[in-house]
Amino acid sequence: MEEISYLDSHAHLMSEEYNEDIDEVIQQCIDKHIDLIMLITLKKEETIKAIEYKKKYPNLFKVAAGIFPEDIDERNWDDFEEMARKEEVDVIGEIGLDYYWVKDEDKRATQREMFIKQIQLANELHKPYAVHSRDAIQDTFDIMKKYGGRGLLHCYSGTKEMAKEFTKLGFYIALGGALTFKNARHSVEVASTIDAKWLLTETDCPYMAPVPVRGTRNVPTNIPYITQKMAEVRNISEKEMADTIMQNWYRYLEK
């Protein structure tokens, strides 16, 4: 049987949920050919830790540093920018907008200002960025359209029509565990209809574990469930899907 190489484009492995067994989790990833993982970091100490793991496993990890939209009042911009400018940081993220809990328009406006500022920094540094968008898809689209750069929509939950609009601008669509859920109509439509050259896989671990392990702590070794589902809805082999995803990932990272 031909070997399949998998991508996890969004993993929070530096978070406290993995403090007890991070090295074991990494070894399992290596054993199961989860060959490329982007470490998402949202605190300075997480970024520093991720850089150390990247040095230890240079072919396995990429490092992303961002300020989560709900944390913009708590994070120090200078600390973030210091990390973002490091050569070892490959991607700015996750960044974006989250209106789910935020109803106050002034706070939403502050999120938009910070999102723009982080995209501008990513573009200045010639680095791609990874976007979180929850209940804010139109504002997210408008900002990304205006400021451009190389972006991906993490854990995309919008419609296929909006997904196509993002891809027309050259942005990638990453799908995770929700694709495998029973009620995942939008995710399935997106996975099956947009041009495959814009698709990426992710876990968003430790969150959003896919079926059949839904409800457990998510890990990158669950990526095959997502890749298999994506291949199934596109009616192609898992190997072909995984290979396409890898090609997309390298293109996304290109200078």
Protein backbone atom coordinates (compact mmCIF):
# COMPACT_ATOMS: atom_id res chain seq x y z
CA MET A 1 0.00 0.00 0.00
CA GLU A 2 1.33 3.43 -0.99
CA GLU A 3 2.41 5.66 1.88
CA ILE A 4 0.29 8.75 2.53
CA SER A 5 1.74 11.96 3.95
CA TYR A 6 -0.65 14.19 5.93
CA LEU A 7 -0.87 17.88 6.84
CA ASP A 8 -2.24 19.50 9.99
CA SER A 9 -2.32 23.21 9.19
CA HIS A 10 -3.62 24.31 12.60
CA ALA A 11 -2.56 22.68 15.88
CA HIS A 12 -2.39 24.19 19.37
CA LEU A 13 0.19 21.68 20.59
CA MET A 14 2.01 24.29 22.68
CA SER A 15 -1.06 24.85 24.87
CA GLU A 16 -1.32 23.50 28.40
CA GLU A 17 -3.55 20.61 27.29
CA TYR A 18 -0.39 18.83 26.07
CA ASN A 19 1.98 19.70 28.91
CA GLU A 20 2.00 16.14 30.22
CA ASP A 21 2.56 14.20 26.98
CA ILE A 22 3.72 16.52 24.19
CA ASP A 23 6.74 14.38 23.26
CA GLU A 24 4.59 11.25 23.08
CA VAL A 25 2.06 13.05 20.87
CA ILE A 26 4.84 14.20 18.54
CA GLN A 27 6.27 10.70 18.24
CA GLN A 28 2.82 9.35 17.37
CA CYS A 29 2.57 11.99 14.63
CA ILE A 30 5.91 10.90 13.20
CA ASP A 31 4.91 7.23 13.35
CA LYS A 32 1.60 7.89 11.56
CA HIS A 33 3.02 10.16 8.83
CA ILE A 34 1.48 13.40 10.01
CA ASP A 35 4.48 14.93 8.28
CA LEU A 36 3.72 18.67 8.41
CA ILE A 37 2.17 20.50 11.35
CA MET A 38 1.69 24.23 11.89
CA LEU A 39 1.98 25.15 15.56
CA ILE A 40 -0.45 27.94 16.40
CA THR A 41 0.76 30.13 19.27
CA LEU A 42 -1.24 32.89 20.94
CA LYS A 43 1.10 33.84 23.78
CA LYS A 44 4.77 34.85 23.78
CA GLU A 45 5.75 31.87 25.92
CA GLU A 46 3.96 29.51 23.52
CA THR A 47 5.84 30.99 20.56
CA ILE A 48 9.19 30.61 22.30
CA LYS A 49 8.35 26.99 23.12
CA ALA A 50 7.21 26.33 19.54
CA ILE A 51 10.46 27.71 18.13
CA GLU A 52 12.41 25.29 20.33
CA TYR A 53 10.34 22.36 19.04
CA LYS A 54 10.82 23.55 15.47
CA LYS A 55 14.58 23.53 16.01
CA LYS A 56 14.29 19.97 17.29
CA TYR A 57 11.98 18.84 14.45
CA PRO A 58 12.74 21.23 11.55
CA ASN A 59 11.04 19.11 8.89
CA LEU A 60 7.87 18.56 10.92
CA PHE A 61 6.87 21.95 12.29
CA LYS A 62 6.04 25.42 11.06
CA VAL A 63 5.35 28.13 13.64
CA ALA A 64 2.53 30.68 13.63
CA ALA A 65 2.25 33.60 16.07
CA GLY A 66 -0.87 35.70 16.43
CA ILE A 67 -3.19 37.65 18.70
CA PHE A 68 -6.60 35.98 18.96
CA PRO A 69 -9.42 38.49 18.39
CA GLU A 70 -10.85 38.05 21.89
CA ASP A 71 -7.40 38.66 23.44
CA ILE A 72 -6.58 42.00 21.85
CA ASP A 73 -7.08 43.93 25.11
CA GLU A 74 -4.83 41.54 27.02
CA ARG A 75 -1.93 40.99 24.62
CA ASN A 76 1.03 43.33 24.36
CA TRP A 77 1.55 44.39 20.73
CA ASP A 78 5.31 44.85 21.18
CA ASP A 79 5.70 41.29 22.48
CA PHE A 80 3.67 39.96 19.56
CA GLU A 81 5.60 41.97 16.97
CA GLU A 82 8.91 40.84 18.46
CA MET A 83 7.83 37.21 17.97
CA ALA A 84 6.28 37.83 14.53
CA ARG A 85 9.52 39.29 13.21
CA LYS A 86 11.57 36.26 14.23
CA GLU A 87 12.92 34.29 11.29
CA GLU A 88 11.67 31.06 12.90
CA VAL A 89 8.05 32.28 12.77
CA ASP A 90 6.64 31.28 9.40
CA VAL A 91 3.02 32.47 9.61
CA ILE A 92 1.08 35.24 11.37
CA GLY A 93 -1.91 33.65 13.07
CA GLU A 94 -4.32 32.93 14.16
CA ILE A 95 -5.72 36.41 13.71
CA GLY A 96 -9.12 37.67 12.64
CA LEU A 97 -12.58 38.48 13.93
CA ASP A 98 -14.88 36.80 16.44
CA TYR A 99 -18.26 38.46 16.96
CA TYR A 100 -19.91 35.45 18.64
CA TRP A 101 -19.55 36.77 22.19
CA VAL A 102 -18.87 40.41 21.29
CA LYS A 103 -22.00 42.46 20.59
CA ASP A 104 -20.54 45.89 21.37
CA GLU A 105 -19.74 47.70 18.10
CA ASP A 106 -16.78 49.58 19.58
CA LYS A 107 -15.15 46.29 20.57
CA ARG A 108 -15.86 44.85 17.14
CA ALA A 109 -14.27 47.92 15.59
CA THR A 110 -11.18 47.38 17.74
CA GLN A 111 -11.01 43.77 16.50
CA ARG A 112 -11.14 45.01 12.91
CA GLU A 113 -8.37 47.55 13.54
CA MET A 114 -6.12 44.88 15.07
CA PHE A 115 -6.89 42.42 12.28
CA ILE A 116 -5.86 44.98 9.67
CA LYS A 117 -2.73 45.88 11.62
CA GLN A 118 -1.68 42.22 11.79
CA ILE A 119 -2.32 41.64 8.06
CA GLN A 120 -0.24 44.71 7.28
CA LEU A 121 2.59 43.34 9.42
CA ALA A 122 2.34 39.95 7.70
CA ASN A 123 2.53 41.64 4.31
CA GLU A 124 5.49 43.77 5.40
CA LEU A 125 7.31 40.62 6.53
CA HIS A 126 6.26 38.70 3.38
CA LYS A 127 4.68 36.03 5.57
CA PRO A 128 1.31 34.32 5.06
CA TYR A 129 -1.40 34.61 7.68
CA ALA A 130 -4.08 32.32 9.17
CA VAL A 131 -7.53 33.72 9.86
CA HIS A 132 -10.14 32.94 12.51
CA SER A 133 -13.61 34.19 11.59
CA ARG A 134 -16.72 33.53 13.65
CA ASP A 135 -20.03 35.26 12.96
CA ALA A 136 -18.04 37.88 11.03
CA ILE A 137 -17.58 36.45 7.55
CA GLN A 138 -18.53 39.56 5.54
CA ASP A 139 -16.24 41.88 7.52
CA THR A 140 -13.50 39.25 7.28
CA PHE A 141 -13.93 39.06 3.51
CA ASP A 142 -13.99 42.83 3.06
CA ILE A 143 -10.78 43.30 5.05
CA MET A 144 -8.91 40.44 3.36
CA LYS A 145 -10.03 41.68 -0.07
CA LYS A 146 -8.75 45.19 0.69
CA TYR A 147 -5.43 44.26 2.31
CA GLY A 148 -4.57 41.10 0.35
CA GLY A 149 -1.51 39.03 1.13
CA ARG A 150 -1.37 35.25 1.43
CA GLY A 151 -4.15 34.09 3.74
CA LEU A 152 -6.01 30.98 4.77
CA LEU A 153 -9.41 30.70 6.40
CA HIS A 154 -8.96 28.41 9.39
CA CYS A 155 -11.83 26.10 10.37
CA TYR A 156 -13.98 27.57 7.62
CA SER A 157 -17.71 27.40 8.42
CA GLY A 158 -19.24 29.65 5.78
CA THR A 159 -21.12 28.83 2.59
CA LYS A 160 -19.70 27.37 -0.61
CA GLU A 161 -20.56 30.63 -2.39
CA MET A 162 -18.50 32.70 0.03
CA ALA A 163 -15.69 30.13 -0.06
CA LYS A 164 -15.49 30.56 -3.83
CA GLU A 165 -15.26 34.33 -3.39
CA PHE A 166 -12.30 33.89 -1.03
CA THR A 167 -10.55 31.53 -3.45
CA LYS A 168 -11.02 33.99 -6.32
CA LEU A 169 -8.80 36.32 -4.29
CA GLY A 170 -6.21 33.57 -3.81
CA PHE A 171 -7.08 32.61 -0.23
CA TYR A 172 -7.04 29.02 1.02
CA ILE A 173 -9.84 27.18 2.84
CA ALA A 174 -8.91 24.88 5.74
CA LEU A 175 -11.44 22.32 6.98
CA GLY A 176 -11.27 20.35 10.19
CA GLY A 177 -13.25 17.92 12.32
CA ALA A 178 -16.58 19.60 11.56
CA LEU A 179 -16.37 18.16 8.03
CA THR A 180 -17.01 14.70 9.52
CA PHE A 181 -19.99 15.72 11.65
CA LYS A 182 -23.45 14.45 10.77
CA ASN A 183 -24.92 17.93 10.23
CA ALA A 184 -21.91 19.32 8.31
CA ARG A 185 -23.80 20.40 5.19
CA HIS A 186 -21.85 23.62 4.56
CA SER A 187 -18.44 22.01 5.11
CA VAL A 188 -19.29 19.10 2.80
CA GLU A 189 -20.53 21.48 0.11
CA VAL A 190 -17.36 23.54 0.37
CA ALA A 191 -15.09 20.47 0.27
CA SER A 192 -16.87 19.04 -2.75
CA THR A 193 -17.33 22.16 -4.88
CA ILE A 194 -14.38 24.56 -4.60
CA ASP A 195 -11.25 24.03 -6.69
CA ALA A 196 -9.12 21.45 -4.88
CA LYS A 197 -6.02 23.63 -5.17
CA TRP A 198 -7.38 25.84 -2.38
CA LEU A 199 -8.14 23.10 0.19
CA LEU A 200 -6.17 22.41 3.38
CA THR A 201 -6.71 20.07 6.33
CA GLU A 202 -6.43 20.92 10.02
CA THR A 203 -7.38 19.59 13.44
CA ASP A 204 -7.55 22.79 15.55
CA CYS A 205 -6.46 20.41 18.29
CA PRO A 206 -7.18 20.05 21.18
CA TYR A 207 -10.64 21.16 19.97
CA MET A 208 -13.10 19.80 17.39
CA ALA A 209 -12.12 16.12 17.30
CA PRO A 210 -13.58 14.42 14.21
CA VAL A 211 -15.92 11.46 14.03
CA PRO A 212 -15.33 8.70 15.18
CA VAL A 213 -13.39 10.22 18.11
CA ARG A 214 -15.62 13.25 18.63
CA GLY A 215 -15.71 14.41 22.25
CA THR A 216 -12.12 13.41 23.02
CA ARG A 217 -9.02 15.60 23.15
CA ASN A 218 -8.09 16.18 19.53
CA VAL A 219 -4.57 15.40 18.26
CA PRO A 220 -2.87 15.72 14.85
CA THR A 221 -3.01 11.95 14.36
CA ASN A 222 -6.75 12.40 13.72
CA ILE A 223 -6.02 14.22 10.43
CA PRO A 224 -6.56 11.04 8.33
CA TYR A 225 -10.26 11.03 9.29
CA ILE A 226 -10.60 14.52 7.83
CA THR A 227 -8.54 13.77 4.72
CA GLN A 228 -10.55 10.58 4.10
CA LYS A 229 -13.84 12.49 4.35
CA MET A 230 -12.58 15.19 2.01
CA ALA A 231 -11.51 12.55 -0.52
CA GLU A 232 -14.85 10.78 -0.16
CA VAL A 233 -16.95 13.86 -0.94
CA ARG A 234 -14.73 14.67 -3.92
CA ASN A 235 -14.86 11.05 -5.12
CA ILE A 236 -11.07 10.65 -5.35
CA SER A 237 -8.52 8.51 -3.53
CA GLU A 238 -7.22 9.50 -0.13
CA LYS A 239 -3.68 9.52 -1.54
CA GLU A 240 -4.63 11.93 -4.31
CA MET A 241 -6.38 14.21 -1.82
CA ALA A 242 -3.45 14.17 0.59
CA ASP A 243 -0.96 14.90 -2.19
CA THR A 244 -3.03 17.84 -3.41
CA ILE A 245 -3.24 19.24 0.11
CA MET A 246 0.55 19.03 0.47
CA GLN A 247 1.06 20.87 -2.81
CA ASN A 248 -1.37 23.54 -1.65
CA TRP A 249 0.48 23.95 1.64
CA TYR A 250 3.85 24.53 -0.01
CA ARG A 251 2.27 27.06 -2.37
CA TYR A 252 0.67 28.88 0.56
CA LEU A 253 4.03 29.15 2.32
CA GLU A 254 5.96 30.39 -0.73
CA LYS A 255 7.54 33.81 -0.55
